[in-house]
Amino acid sequence: MKFFNNRVVVYTYRYLGTLVTIGAMTLVLHILNPFLAVQYVALLYLLPVMICTVLWGLYPGVIAAFLSFLAFNYFFIEPYNTLLVHESQDLITLTIFLIVAIVMSQLIGQARRGVHLAKTREWEATRMYQLISALAGLIDVASIAQALAQQTIETFPFLYVETSVAAWAGEPALVRAAPAGPPPAAAPAATLKLSTTRNLEGEIRLWYGQATLKDEESRLLEAFCAQGALALERIHLIEGENKTRVLEESDRIKTSLLNSVSHELRSPLATIKAAVSSLRINAIDWNSEARTELLTTVEEETDQLNLLVGNLLDMSRIEAGALDPQKKWNSISEIAKSVAAKMQSHLQDHTLQFDFPEELPLVATDFVMMEQVFINLISNSVKYAPAHSLIEISAREEENSLRVRLVNQSPAVPEEYLDHIFDKFIRITQADKVTGTGLGLSICRGIIEAHGGKIWAENTPAGFSFCFTLPLTLNGALPVTPKDA
């Protein structure tokens, strides 16, 4: 009803304005009639026709043409004050005037429609560009729903806009946008679906203001809904792709872990079983050298299994974020030498050398975790460095941190792979000749980062180097060295 009343008011205003314009021109021409020839009167009557067409459109222009024709005939063609025409010349003049007036009104009306259409297209393109720009950089459903509602209420004459978006998982996410005030108590005037060819992404509810939507606004609103639905679908597809990628990566890691662990467990278990079976043979002298070698083999392989299980447990704690170092003031040289004593059997074919200054400060670390770091780094060096080569461990103080460096003589690693050797299951050189799960260096990185430090690898003239730093403060306090006590 409100829409009908508005349209009636608009059309009444246009046609009444047309009538007043023609009447005003007729009054002016009637006053100037003694001074004007008929031809000039006809030309001047074309002026209100043009004005009405420009201001109010084609139909008011055509009506103005007919009114001008009638007024011209009635007031300015003999006999006056009648629509009769006695002279053939006057009839030709009236006919030409009517044709020119109607053609002119149509041409001006078409030009006016063309200008209006161009402005409408420009407005639609501008608002559509603003919407696309607002949605392009968004990466979550809630932000897209908010931007869509905000752009809608800024573009169209709505009192309130409510966007309901179906989330990818779980309950629907409801996002509201309004210029001010609480949501209306009345039901929405319209509800539009945000749907694509795949599925329904949500809906947008609209509360109209006093104005109604024009045809071009309705068309643009449909485009808004389609673009919003496509943006939501894009987010859902990206989320689905990410989940698929994560699942594929998880499956790949599980497969790699099972293959690696099964191999690493089978080898020491087979060695232990063979040694134990040999010890059960009564023919072996319990005091013989063979018995000692078999027991040593069992001990070494058991240590290898213990190291493997420890690495797996450490990796699970690192991934779960449950790695919590119990930091105390420790000497990095004591930790390194303790590891060297435990790994004597592994270092039989290598020379381990230390370079620790006497004034080296204490460092806040978890003793057991740092032992694991040195065990993994030394084990990696033993695997890849040639036999009878040198492994050197050194440490230096640098500002508020301690820098530890382990250098071995293993082959250089290509520069593009240096940042990836600390990833899980990564073995760059001689991967087919060296056993291992590929977790050791990844565990080192997790432990060092849990201590607030940093670890990296580099190729140097002295050999391949592992470097890591550890902060020299514990809760903001420096260690108390013996000479300070």
Foldseek 3Di string as FASTA:
>chain_A
DLQVVVVVVLVVVLLVVLVVLLVVLLVVCLVCVVVDDLVVLLVSLLVSLLVSCLPPALVSSLVSLVSSLQSSQADPAPPHNDNDHDDPVVVVVSVVSSVVSNVSSVVSRVVNVVVVVVVLVVLLVVLVVVLCVQLVPDQALQSLQQSLQVSLVVNDQFQWKWWWFQHLDDGTDTHTDGPDDDDDPDAFPDKAWLADPVGTGTIMGTHHDSDDDDPSRVVSVVVSSPVSSVSSVVNSVVVVVVVVVVVVVVVVLVVLQVVQVVVLVVVLVVLLVVLVVVVPDPVDDCPDPSVVVSVVSNVVSVVSVVLQVVLVVLVVCLVVVNDAWPWDWDDLVVLLVVLCVVCVVLCVQEAEEEAEDPPDGTATTRSVLVNLLNNLVVVVLSQFADGHWYWYWYWDDDDQKIKIKIFHAGDFFPPVCFVPLLPFQDDGPPPVPGGDRSRSSVSSQSRLVSQVKGWTWDQDPRHTMIMMMGGQDDPNDHDQDPVND
